[in-house]
């Protein structure tokens, strides 16, 4: 459940092939460490507009750090050929203000 962009994309249908059910929500101007792994096959977590491309290997834990300086919605996808049903694994990151992030966290805990 996203903070602000999901309702817009659902109503307009603009990002039909990019949207996801649950977005990764991050606060603006804060370093965030991503821990990436896989359960079944090799995947590649890629967010080109944030400069992130990390392989997700089964049984291994990879990490990367990002710091988003602009609020908005960033789209990515799996960049490996990891099987017939895995070709369109989408990634959606919403970068919001610290206040909106705190509200989202308290809403998720309730």
PDB file of N, CA and C in Angstrom:
ATOM      1  N   UNK A   1       0.846  -1.171   0.000  1.00  0.00           N
ATOM      2  CA  UNK A   1       0.000   0.000   0.000  1.00  0.00           C
ATOM      3  C   UNK A   1       0.893   1.235   0.000  1.00  0.00           C
ATOM      4  N   UNK A   2       0.860   1.979  -1.061  1.00  0.00           N
ATOM      5  CA  UNK A   2       1.708   3.141  -1.201  1.00  0.00           C
ATOM      6  C   UNK A   2       1.174   4.348  -0.456  1.00  0.00           C
ATOM      7  N   UNK A   3       1.980   5.385  -0.427  1.00  0.00           N
ATOM      8  CA  UNK A   3       1.615   6.590   0.299  1.00  0.00           C
ATOM      9  C   UNK A   3       0.738   7.488  -0.544  1.00  0.00           C
ATOM     10  N   UNK A   4       1.200   7.871  -1.729  1.00  0.00           N
ATOM     11  CA  UNK A   4       0.424   8.833  -2.485  1.00  0.00           C
ATOM     12  C   UNK A   4       0.250   8.520  -3.954  1.00  0.00           C
ATOM     13  N   UNK A   5       1.114   7.721  -4.511  1.00  0.00           N
ATOM     14  CA  UNK A   5       1.105   7.525  -5.952  1.00  0.00           C
ATOM     15  C   UNK A   5       0.216   6.376  -6.394  1.00  0.00           C
ATOM     16  N   UNK A   6      -0.026   5.396  -5.536  1.00  0.00           N
ATOM     17  CA  UNK A   6      -0.821   4.236  -5.945  1.00  0.00           C
ATOM     18  C   UNK A   6      -2.231   4.620  -6.342  1.00  0.00           C
ATOM     19  N   UNK A   7      -2.857   5.515  -5.573  1.00  0.00           N
ATOM     20  CA  UNK A   7      -4.227   5.885  -5.907  1.00  0.00           C
ATOM     21  C   UNK A   7      -4.281   6.590  -7.256  1.00  0.00           C
ATOM     22  N   UNK A   8      -3.264   7.389  -7.565  1.00  0.00           N
ATOM     23  CA  UNK A   8      -3.211   8.072  -8.851  1.00  0.00           C
ATOM     24  C   UNK A   8      -3.046   7.080  -9.994  1.00  0.00           C
ATOM     25  N   UNK A   9      -2.137   6.125  -9.850  1.00  0.00           N
ATOM     26  CA  UNK A   9      -1.886   5.176 -10.926  1.00  0.00           C
ATOM     27  C   UNK A   9      -3.064   4.238 -11.121  1.00  0.00           C
ATOM     28  N   UNK A  10      -3.755   3.869 -10.038  1.00  0.00           N
ATOM     29  CA  UNK A  10      -4.909   2.982 -10.178  1.00  0.00           C
ATOM     30  C   UNK A  10      -6.036   3.666 -10.930  1.00  0.00           C
ATOM     31  N   UNK A  11      -6.268   4.944 -10.632  1.00  0.00           N
ATOM     32  CA  UNK A  11      -7.368   5.664 -11.262  1.00  0.00           C
ATOM     33  C   UNK A  11      -7.080   5.969 -12.730  1.00  0.00           C
ATOM     34  N   UNK A  12      -5.842   6.383 -13.010  1.00  0.00           N
ATOM     35  CA  UNK A  12      -5.541   6.811 -14.373  1.00  0.00           C
ATOM     36  C   UNK A  12      -5.107   5.663 -15.273  1.00  0.00           C
ATOM     37  N   UNK A  13      -4.517   4.604 -14.690  1.00  0.00           N
ATOM     38  CA  UNK A  13      -4.036   3.491 -15.483  1.00  0.00           C
ATOM     39  C   UNK A  13      -2.773   3.814 -16.258  1.00  0.00           C
ATOM     40  N   UNK A  14      -2.088   4.907 -15.906  1.00  0.00           N
ATOM     41  CA  UNK A  14      -0.896   5.327 -16.642  1.00  0.00           C
ATOM     42  C   UNK A  14       0.242   4.328 -16.539  1.00  0.00           C
ATOM     43  N   UNK A  15       0.437   3.760 -15.366  1.00  0.00           N
ATOM     44  CA  UNK A  15       1.586   2.882 -15.143  1.00  0.00           C
ATOM     45  C   UNK A  15       1.129   1.443 -14.957  1.00  0.00           C
ATOM     46  N   UNK A  16       0.267   0.992 -15.825  1.00  0.00           N
ATOM     47  CA  UNK A  16      -0.327  -0.327 -15.694  1.00  0.00           C
ATOM     48  C   UNK A  16       0.711  -1.444 -15.628  1.00  0.00           C
ATOM     49  N   UNK A  17       1.752  -1.357 -16.413  1.00  0.00           N
ATOM     50  CA  UNK A  17       2.775  -2.402 -16.425  1.00  0.00           C
ATOM     51  C   UNK A  17       3.938  -2.109 -15.483  1.00  0.00           C
ATOM     52  N   UNK A  18       3.900  -0.981 -14.791  1.00  0.00           N
ATOM     53  CA  UNK A  18       4.965  -0.634 -13.861  1.00  0.00           C
ATOM     54  C   UNK A  18       4.520  -0.670 -12.404  1.00  0.00           C
ATOM     55  N   UNK A  19       3.242  -0.499 -12.155  1.00  0.00           N
ATOM     56  CA  UNK A  19       2.736  -0.417 -10.794  1.00  0.00           C
ATOM     57  C   UNK A  19       2.790  -1.745 -10.066  1.00  0.00           C
ATOM     58  N   UNK A  20       2.860  -1.671  -8.736  1.00  0.00           N
ATOM     59  CA  UNK A  20       2.877  -2.853  -7.881  1.00  0.00           C
ATOM     60  C   UNK A  20       1.828  -2.677  -6.796  1.00  0.00           C
ATOM     61  N   UNK A  21       1.486  -3.755  -6.121  1.00  0.00           N
ATOM     62  CA  UNK A  21       0.503  -3.692  -5.051  1.00  0.00           C
ATOM     63  C   UNK A  21       1.078  -3.000  -3.822  1.00  0.00           C
ATOM     64  N   UNK A  22       2.301  -3.338  -3.431  1.00  0.00           N
ATOM     65  CA  UNK A  22       2.948  -2.761  -2.253  1.00  0.00           C
ATOM     66  C   UNK A  22       4.275  -2.143  -2.658  1.00  0.00           C
ATOM     67  N   UNK A  23       4.374  -0.841  -2.529  1.00  0.00           N
ATOM     68  CA  UNK A  23       5.605  -0.132  -2.885  1.00  0.00           C
ATOM     69  C   UNK A  23       6.580  -0.147  -1.719  1.00  0.00           C
ATOM     70  N   UNK A  24       7.851  -0.011  -2.040  1.00  0.00           N
ATOM     71  CA  UNK A  24       8.880   0.212  -1.038  1.00  0.00           C
ATOM     72  C   UNK A  24       8.883   1.709  -0.763  1.00  0.00           C
ATOM     73  N   UNK A  25       8.596   2.111   0.459  1.00  0.00           N
ATOM     74  CA  UNK A  25       8.503   3.520   0.823  1.00  0.00           C
ATOM     75  C   UNK A  25       9.768   3.903   1.594  1.00  0.00           C
ATOM     76  N   UNK A  26      10.446   4.959   1.125  1.00  0.00           N
ATOM     77  CA  UNK A  26      11.685   5.414   1.751  1.00  0.00           C
ATOM     78  C   UNK A  26      11.597   6.901   2.067  1.00  0.00           C
ATOM     79  N   UNK A  27      12.261   7.343   3.154  1.00  0.00           N
ATOM     80  CA  UNK A  27      12.286   8.772   3.459  1.00  0.00           C
ATOM     81  C   UNK A  27      13.326   9.489   2.608  1.00  0.00           C
ATOM     82  N   UNK A  28      13.085  10.755   2.360  1.00  0.00           N
ATOM     83  CA  UNK A  28      13.997  11.562   1.559  1.00  0.00           C
ATOM     84  C   UNK A  28      15.231  11.945   2.386  1.00  0.00           C
ATOM     85  N   UNK A  29      16.373  12.085   1.716  1.00  0.00           N
ATOM     86  CA  UNK A  29      17.642  12.535   2.312  1.00  0.00           C
ATOM     87  C   UNK A  29      18.101  11.692   3.493  1.00  0.00           C
ATOM     88  N   UNK A  30      17.893  10.386   3.426  1.00  0.00           N
ATOM     89  CA  UNK A  30      18.351   9.495   4.484  1.00  0.00           C
ATOM     90  C   UNK A  30      18.963   8.259   3.833  1.00  0.00           C
ATOM     91  N   UNK A  31      20.174   7.909   4.243  1.00  0.00           N
ATOM     92  CA  UNK A  31      20.803   6.713   3.695  1.00  0.00           C
ATOM     93  C   UNK A  31      20.044   5.483   4.152  1.00  0.00           C
ATOM     94  N   UNK A  32      19.782   4.600   3.197  1.00  0.00           N
ATOM     95  CA  UNK A  32      19.040   3.374   3.468  1.00  0.00           C
ATOM     96  C   UNK A  32      19.851   2.195   2.963  1.00  0.00           C
ATOM     97  N   UNK A  33      19.996   1.180   3.791  1.00  0.00           N
ATOM     98  CA  UNK A  33      20.700  -0.024   3.374  1.00  0.00           C
ATOM     99  C   UNK A  33      19.674  -1.046   2.908  1.00  0.00           C
ATOM    100  N   UNK A  34      19.890  -1.561   1.713  1.00  0.00           N
ATOM    101  CA  UNK A  34      19.030  -2.595   1.151  1.00  0.00           C
ATOM    102  C   UNK A  34      19.709  -3.943   1.338  1.00  0.00           C
ATOM    103  N   UNK A  35      19.005  -4.901   1.890  1.00  0.00           N
ATOM    104  CA  UNK A  35      19.488  -6.270   2.007  1.00  0.00           C
ATOM    105  C   UNK A  35      18.702  -7.099   1.010  1.00  0.00           C
ATOM    106  N   UNK A  36      19.403  -7.747   0.097  1.00  0.00           N
ATOM    107  CA  UNK A  36      18.760  -8.390  -1.045  1.00  0.00           C
ATOM    108  C   UNK A  36      19.153  -9.859  -1.102  1.00  0.00           C
ATOM    109  N   UNK A  37      18.155 -10.716  -1.226  1.00  0.00           N
ATOM    110  CA  UNK A  37      18.390 -12.144  -1.383  1.00  0.00           C
ATOM    111  C   UNK A  37      17.281 -12.722  -2.256  1.00  0.00           C
ATOM    112  N   UNK A  38      17.376 -13.995  -2.559  1.00  0.00           N
ATOM    113  CA  UNK A  38      16.387 -14.662  -3.395  1.00  0.00           C
ATOM    114  C   UNK A  38      16.028 -16.000  -2.767  1.00  0.00           C
ATOM    115  N   UNK A  39      14.878 -16.489  -3.123  1.00  0.00           N
ATOM    116  CA  UNK A  39      14.424 -17.771  -2.593  1.00  0.00           C
ATOM    117  C   UNK A  39      14.613 -18.910  -3.591  1.00  0.00           C
ATOM    118  N   UNK A  40      14.418 -18.618  -4.872  1.00  0.00           N
ATOM    119  CA  UNK A  40      14.367 -19.710  -5.834  1.00  0.00           C
ATOM    120  C   UNK A  40      15.471 -19.670  -6.891  1.00  0.00           C
ATOM    121  N   UNK A  41      15.611 -18.577  -7.626  1.00  0.00           N
ATOM    122  CA  UNK A  41      16.596 -18.467  -8.701  1.00  0.00           C
ATOM    123  C   UNK A  41      17.317 -17.137  -8.586  1.00  0.00           C
ATOM    124  N   UNK A  42      18.316 -16.913  -9.429  1.00  0.00           N
ATOM    125  CA  UNK A  42      19.047 -15.652  -9.420  1.00  0.00           C
ATOM    126  C   UNK A  42      18.167 -14.553 -10.011  1.00  0.00           C
ATOM    127  N   UNK A  43      18.042 -13.461  -9.289  1.00  0.00           N
ATOM    128  CA  UNK A  43      17.327 -12.284  -9.749  1.00  0.00           C
ATOM    129  C   UNK A  43      18.310 -11.117  -9.753  1.00  0.00           C
ATOM    130  N   UNK A  44      17.920 -10.010 -10.302  1.00  0.00           N
ATOM    131  CA  UNK A  44      18.740  -8.814 -10.276  1.00  0.00           C
ATOM    132  C   UNK A  44      17.855  -7.622  -9.943  1.00  0.00           C
ATOM    133  N   UNK A  45      18.000  -7.102  -8.735  1.00  0.00           N
ATOM    134  CA  UNK A  45      17.222  -5.965  -8.246  1.00  0.00           C
ATOM    135  C   UNK A  45      17.795  -4.720  -8.907  1.00  0.00           C
ATOM    136  N   UNK A  46      17.037  -4.095  -9.809  1.00  0.00           N
ATOM    137  CA  UNK A  46      17.552  -2.961 -10.573  1.00  0.00           C
ATOM    138  C   UNK A  46      16.610  -1.761 -10.489  1.00  0.00           C
ATOM    139  N   UNK A  47      17.164  -0.638 -10.080  1.00  0.00           N
ATOM    140  CA  UNK A  47      16.482   0.658 -10.093  1.00  0.00           C
ATOM    141  C   UNK A  47      17.396   1.634 -10.819  1.00  0.00           C
ATOM    142  N   UNK A  48      17.316   1.722 -12.131  1.00  0.00           N
ATOM    143  CA  UNK A  48      18.270   2.521 -12.906  1.00  0.00           C
ATOM    144  C   UNK A  48      18.299   3.999 -12.523  1.00  0.00           C
ATOM    145  N   UNK A  49      17.156   4.589 -12.223  1.00  0.00           N
ATOM    146  CA  UNK A  49      17.137   6.019 -11.903  1.00  0.00           C
ATOM    147  C   UNK A  49      17.764   6.328 -10.550  1.00  0.00           C
ATOM    148  N   UNK A  50      17.929   5.323  -9.694  1.00  0.00           N
ATOM    149  CA  UNK A  50      18.619   5.513  -8.419  1.00  0.00           C
ATOM    150  C   UNK A  50      20.030   4.932  -8.448  1.00  0.00           C
ATOM    151  N   UNK A  51      20.431   4.373  -9.567  1.00  0.00           N
ATOM    152  CA  UNK A  51      21.785   3.846  -9.706  1.00  0.00           C
ATOM    153  C   UNK A  51      22.030   2.558  -8.946  1.00  0.00           C
ATOM    154  N   UNK A  52      21.026   1.702  -8.854  1.00  0.00           N
ATOM    155  CA  UNK A  52      21.151   0.453  -8.100  1.00  0.00           C
ATOM    156  C   UNK A  52      20.911  -0.724  -9.023  1.00  0.00           C
ATOM    157  N   UNK A  53      21.826  -1.685  -8.997  1.00  0.00           N
ATOM    158  CA  UNK A  53      21.642  -2.974  -9.663  1.00  0.00           C
ATOM    159  C   UNK A  53      22.424  -3.991  -8.855  1.00  0.00           C
ATOM    160  N   UNK A  54      21.709  -4.836  -8.122  1.00  0.00           N
ATOM    161  CA  UNK A  54      22.330  -5.810  -7.230  1.00  0.00           C
ATOM    162  C   UNK A  54      21.747  -7.176  -7.522  1.00  0.00           C
ATOM    163  N   UNK A  55      22.613  -8.177  -7.635  1.00  0.00           N
ATOM    164  CA  UNK A  55      22.141  -9.537  -7.869  1.00  0.00           C
ATOM    165  C   UNK A  55      21.597 -10.136  -6.583  1.00  0.00           C
ATOM    166  N   UNK A  56      20.514 -10.878  -6.721  1.00  0.00           N
ATOM    167  CA  UNK A  56      19.906 -11.592  -5.605  1.00  0.00           C
ATOM    168  C   UNK A  56      20.108 -13.082  -5.854  1.00  0.00           C
ATOM    169  N   UNK A  57      20.971 -13.695  -5.064  1.00  0.00           N
ATOM    170  CA  UNK A  57      21.303 -15.107  -5.226  1.00  0.00           C
ATOM    171  C   UNK A  57      20.685 -15.923  -4.097  1.00  0.00           C
ATOM    172  N   UNK A  58      20.166 -17.114  -4.414  1.00  0.00           N
ATOM    173  CA  UNK A  58      19.619 -17.966  -3.351  1.00  0.00           C
ATOM    174  C   UNK A  58      20.712 -18.358  -2.362  1.00  0.00           C
ATOM    175  N   UNK A  59      20.411 -18.220  -1.076  1.00  0.00           N
ATOM    176  CA  UNK A  59      21.362 -18.600  -0.042  1.00  0.00           C
ATOM    177  C   UNK A  59      22.437 -17.569   0.243  1.00  0.00           C
ATOM    178  N   UNK A  60      22.425 -16.438  -0.418  1.00  0.00           N
ATOM    179  CA  UNK A  60      23.416 -15.374  -0.203  1.00  0.00           C
ATOM    180  C   UNK A  60      22.688 -14.084   0.152  1.00  0.00           C
ATOM    181  N   UNK A  61      23.380 -13.205   0.855  1.00  0.00           N
ATOM    182  CA  UNK A  61      22.809 -11.925   1.232  1.00  0.00           C
ATOM    183  C   UNK A  61      23.686 -10.813   0.666  1.00  0.00           C
ATOM    184  N   UNK A  62      23.144 -10.031  -0.240  1.00  0.00           N
ATOM    185  CA  UNK A  62      23.850  -8.879  -0.808  1.00  0.00           C
ATOM    186  C   UNK A  62      23.276  -7.606  -0.216  1.00  0.00           C
ATOM    187  N   UNK A  63      24.086  -6.547  -0.216  1.00  0.00           N
ATOM    188  CA  UNK A  63      23.587  -5.282   0.315  1.00  0.00           C
ATOM    189  C   UNK A  63      24.020  -4.134  -0.592  1.00  0.00           C
ATOM    190  N   UNK A  64      23.265  -3.063  -0.493  1.00  0.00           N
ATOM    191  CA  UNK A  64      23.554  -1.848  -1.232  1.00  0.00           C
ATOM    192  C   UNK A  64      22.983  -0.688  -0.432  1.00  0.00           C
ATOM    193  N   UNK A  65      23.537   0.503  -0.631  1.00  0.00           N
ATOM    194  CA  UNK A  65      23.024   1.690   0.045  1.00  0.00           C
ATOM    195  C   UNK A  65      22.527   2.687  -0.982  1.00  0.00           C
ATOM    196  N   UNK A  66      21.423   3.344  -0.664  1.00  0.00           N
ATOM    197  CA  UNK A  66      20.922   4.409  -1.517  1.00  0.00           C
ATOM    198  C   UNK A  66      20.531   5.596  -0.646  1.00  0.00           C
ATOM    199  N   UNK A  67      20.600   6.767  -1.240  1.00  0.00           N
ATOM    200  CA  UNK A  67      20.126   7.988  -0.599  1.00  0.00           C
ATOM    201  C   UNK A  67      19.371   8.777  -1.660  1.00  0.00           C
ATOM    202  N   UNK A  68      18.091   8.903  -1.480  1.00  0.00           N
ATOM    203  CA  UNK A  68      17.242   9.587  -2.449  1.00  0.00           C
ATOM    204  C   UNK A  68      17.139  11.061  -2.069  1.00  0.00           C
ATOM    205  N   UNK A  69      17.431  11.924  -3.019  1.00  0.00           N
ATOM    206  CA  UNK A  69      17.416  13.356  -2.756  1.00  0.00           C
ATOM    207  C   UNK A  69      16.188  14.068  -3.312  1.00  0.00           C
ATOM    208  N   UNK A  70      15.379  13.374  -4.090  1.00  0.00           N
ATOM    209  CA  UNK A  70      14.161  13.964  -4.656  1.00  0.00           C
ATOM    210  C   UNK A  70      12.972  13.070  -4.349  1.00  0.00           C
ATOM    211  N   UNK A  71      11.873  13.670  -3.922  1.00  0.00           N
ATOM    212  CA  UNK A  71      10.679  12.851  -3.712  1.00  0.00           C
ATOM    213  C   UNK A  71      10.095  12.419  -5.050  1.00  0.00           C
ATOM    214  N   UNK A  72       9.408  11.312  -5.030  1.00  0.00           N
ATOM    215  CA  UNK A  72       8.782  10.846  -6.260  1.00  0.00           C
ATOM    216  C   UNK A  72       8.640   9.340  -6.280  1.00  0.00           C
ATOM    217  N   UNK A  73       8.284   8.850  -7.430  1.00  0.00           N
ATOM    218  CA  UNK A  73       8.057   7.436  -7.641  1.00  0.00           C
ATOM    219  C   UNK A  73       9.105   6.922  -8.621  1.00  0.00           C
ATOM    220  N   UNK A  74       9.854   5.910  -8.230  1.00  0.00           N
ATOM    221  CA  UNK A  74      10.921   5.352  -9.055  1.00  0.00           C
ATOM    222  C   UNK A  74      10.569   3.912  -9.401  1.00  0.00           C
ATOM    223  N   UNK A  75      10.755   3.555 -10.667  1.00  0.00           N
ATOM    224  CA  UNK A  75      10.385   2.236 -11.145  1.00  0.00           C
ATOM    225  C   UNK A  75      11.626   1.436 -11.534  1.00  0.00           C
ATOM    226  N   UNK A  76      11.562   0.137 -11.309  1.00  0.00           N
ATOM    227  CA  UNK A  76      12.630  -0.769 -11.713  1.00  0.00           C
ATOM    228  C   UNK A  76      12.037  -2.136 -11.978  1.00  0.00           C
ATOM    229  N   UNK A  77      12.926  -3.094 -12.218  1.00  0.00           N
ATOM    230  CA  UNK A  77      12.459  -4.459 -12.467  1.00  0.00           C
ATOM    231  C   UNK A  77      13.615  -5.422 -12.316  1.00  0.00           C
ATOM    232  N   UNK A  78      13.298  -6.698 -12.351  1.00  0.00           N
ATOM    233  CA  UNK A  78      14.327  -7.727 -12.347  1.00  0.00           C
ATOM    234  C   UNK A  78      14.997  -7.715 -13.718  1.00  0.00           C
ATOM    235  N   UNK A  79      16.321  -7.693 -13.737  1.00  0.00           N
ATOM    236  CA  UNK A  79      17.051  -7.579 -14.995  1.00  0.00           C
ATOM    237  C   UNK A  79      17.731  -8.877 -15.432  1.00  0.00           C
ATOM    238  N   UNK A  80      17.358  -9.977 -14.847  1.00  0.00           N
ATOM    239  CA  UNK A  80      17.929 -11.262 -15.239  1.00  0.00           C
ATOM    240  C   UNK A  80      16.846 -12.120 -15.869  1.00  0.00           C
ATOM    241  N   UNK A  81      17.242 -13.018 -16.732  1.00  0.00           N
ATOM    242  CA  UNK A  81      16.318 -13.987 -17.290  1.00  0.00           C
ATOM    243  C   UNK A  81      16.258 -15.156 -16.305  1.00  0.00           C
ATOM    244  N   UNK A  82      15.300 -15.101 -15.412  1.00  0.00           N
ATOM    245  CA  UNK A  82      15.284 -16.040 -14.299  1.00  0.00           C
ATOM    246  C   UNK A  82      14.130 -17.035 -14.379  1.00  0.00           C
ATOM    247  N   UNK A  83      13.534 -17.172 -15.522  1.00  0.00           N
ATOM    248  CA  UNK A  83      12.465 -18.149 -15.683  1.00  0.00           C
ATOM    249  C   UNK A  83      11.294 -17.573 -16.451  1.00  0.00           C
ATOM    250  N   UNK A  84      10.428 -18.442 -16.913  1.00  0.00           N
ATOM    251  CA  UNK A  84       9.328 -18.008 -17.769  1.00  0.00           C
ATOM    252  C   UNK A  84       8.314 -17.135 -17.035  1.00  0.00           C
ATOM    253  N   UNK A  85       8.089 -17.366 -15.774  1.00  0.00           N
ATOM    254  CA  UNK A  85       7.108 -16.577 -15.025  1.00  0.00           C
ATOM    255  C   UNK A  85       7.739 -15.388 -14.299  1.00  0.00           C
ATOM    256  N   UNK A  86       9.010 -15.170 -14.490  1.00  0.00           N
ATOM    257  CA  UNK A  86       9.718 -14.113 -13.773  1.00  0.00           C
ATOM    258  C   UNK A  86      10.078 -12.936 -14.673  1.00  0.00           C
ATOM    259  N   UNK A  87       9.587 -12.893 -15.878  1.00  0.00           N
ATOM    260  CA  UNK A  87      10.070 -11.891 -16.836  1.00  0.00           C
ATOM    261  C   UNK A  87       9.626 -10.473 -16.510  1.00  0.00           C
ATOM    262  N   UNK A  88       8.556 -10.300 -15.769  1.00  0.00           N
ATOM    263  CA  UNK A  88       8.059  -8.958 -15.492  1.00  0.00           C
ATOM    264  C   UNK A  88       7.951  -8.667 -14.003  1.00  0.00           C
ATOM    265  N   UNK A  89       8.940  -9.038 -13.227  1.00  0.00           N
ATOM    266  CA  UNK A  89       8.929  -8.716 -11.807  1.00  0.00           C
ATOM    267  C   UNK A  89       9.240  -7.240 -11.668  1.00  0.00           C
ATOM    268  N   UNK A  90       8.278  -6.490 -11.134  1.00  0.00           N
ATOM    269  CA  UNK A  90       8.394  -5.041 -11.071  1.00  0.00           C
ATOM    270  C   UNK A  90       8.810  -4.585  -9.681  1.00  0.00           C
ATOM    271  N   UNK A  91       9.477  -3.426  -9.629  1.00  0.00           N
ATOM    272  CA  UNK A  91       9.902  -2.805  -8.380  1.00  0.00           C
ATOM    273  C   UNK A  91       9.425  -1.364  -8.416  1.00  0.00           C
ATOM    274  N   UNK A  92       8.828  -0.915  -7.326  1.00  0.00           N
ATOM    275  CA  UNK A  92       8.352   0.459  -7.231  1.00  0.00           C
ATOM    276  C   UNK A  92       8.806   1.039  -5.901  1.00  0.00           C
ATOM    277  N   UNK A  93       9.537   2.141  -5.945  1.00  0.00           N
ATOM    278  CA  UNK A  93      10.018   2.815  -4.750  1.00  0.00           C
ATOM    279  C   UNK A  93       9.386   4.196  -4.695  1.00  0.00           C
ATOM    280  N   UNK A  94       8.750   4.501  -3.576  1.00  0.00           N
ATOM    281  CA  UNK A  94       8.177   5.823  -3.366  1.00  0.00           C
ATOM    282  C   UNK A  94       9.037   6.551  -2.338  1.00  0.00           C
ATOM    283  N   UNK A  95       9.559   7.705  -2.712  1.00  0.00           N
ATOM    284  CA  UNK A  95      10.373   8.526  -1.817  1.00  0.00           C
ATOM    285  C   UNK A  95       9.492   9.678  -1.340  1.00  0.00           C
ATOM    286  N   UNK A  96       9.346   9.765  -0.029  1.00  0.00           N
ATOM    287  CA  UNK A  96       8.444  10.750   0.566  1.00  0.00           C
ATOM    288  C   UNK A  96       9.173  11.543   1.648  1.00  0.00           C
ATOM    289  N   UNK A  97       8.535  12.598   2.139  1.00  0.00           N
ATOM    290  CA  UNK A  97       9.121  13.401   3.211  1.00  0.00           C
ATOM    291  C   UNK A  97       9.193  12.584   4.493  1.00  0.00           C
ATOM    292  N   UNK A  98       9.998  13.055   5.432  1.00  0.00           N
ATOM    293  CA  UNK A  98      10.160  12.338   6.698  1.00  0.00           C
ATOM    294  C   UNK A  98       8.845  12.263   7.459  1.00  0.00           C
ATOM    295  N   UNK A  99       8.046  13.326   7.405  1.00  0.00           N
ATOM    296  CA  UNK A  99       6.750  13.338   8.095  1.00  0.00           C
ATOM    297  C   UNK A  99       5.801  12.299   7.494  1.00  0.00           C
ATOM    298  N   UNK A 100       5.718  12.248   6.173  1.00  0.00           N
ATOM    299  CA  UNK A 100       4.865  11.253   5.521  1.00  0.00           C
ATOM    300  C   UNK A 100       5.358   9.839   5.795  1.00  0.00           C
ATOM    301  N   UNK A 101       6.692   9.666   5.875  1.00  0.00           N
ATOM    302  CA  UNK A 101       7.254   8.354   6.164  1.00  0.00           C
ATOM    303  C   UNK A 101       6.868   7.908   7.574  1.00  0.00           C
ATOM    304  N   UNK A 102       6.953   8.801   8.562  1.00  0.00           N
ATOM    305  CA  UNK A 102       6.553   8.462   9.927  1.00  0.00           C
ATOM    306  C   UNK A 102       5.068   8.102   9.999  1.00  0.00           C
ATOM    307  N   UNK A 103       4.246   8.838   9.285  1.00  0.00           N
ATOM    308  CA  UNK A 103       2.810   8.526   9.251  1.00  0.00           C
ATOM    309  C   UNK A 103       2.571   7.156   8.628  1.00  0.00           C
ATOM    310  N   UNK A 104       3.296   6.850   7.559  1.00  0.00           N
ATOM    311  CA  UNK A 104       3.141   5.552   6.892  1.00  0.00           C
ATOM    312  C   UNK A 104       3.563   4.418   7.825  1.00  0.00           C
ATOM    313  N   UNK A 105       4.693   4.605   8.544  1.00  0.00           N
ATOM    314  CA  UNK A 105       5.165   3.567   9.462  1.00  0.00           C
ATOM    315  C   UNK A 105       4.148   3.333  10.582  1.00  0.00           C
ATOM    316  N   UNK A 106       3.618   4.407  11.160  1.00  0.00           N
ATOM    317  CA  UNK A 106       2.642   4.237  12.234  1.00  0.00           C
ATOM    318  C   UNK A 106       1.358   3.572  11.709  1.00  0.00           C
ATOM    319  N   UNK A 107       0.983   3.870  10.485  1.00  0.00           N
ATOM    320  CA  UNK A 107      -0.187   3.247   9.868  1.00  0.00           C
ATOM    321  C   UNK A 107       0.052   1.750   9.636  1.00  0.00           C
ATOM    322  N   UNK A 108       1.255   1.363   9.228  1.00  0.00           N
ATOM    323  CA  UNK A 108       1.574  -0.041   8.982  1.00  0.00           C
ATOM    324  C   UNK A 108       1.640  -0.826  10.278  1.00  0.00           C
ATOM    325  N   UNK A 109       2.051  -0.190  11.366  1.00  0.00           N
ATOM    326  CA  UNK A 109       2.134  -0.887  12.665  1.00  0.00           C
ATOM    327  C   UNK A 109       0.766  -1.115  13.270  1.00  0.00           C
ATOM    328  N   UNK A 110      -0.195  -0.287  12.925  1.00  0.00           N
ATOM    329  CA  UNK A 110      -1.544  -0.404  13.523  1.00  0.00           C
ATOM    330  C   UNK A 110      -2.329  -1.552  12.941  1.00  0.00           C
TER     331      UNK A 110
END
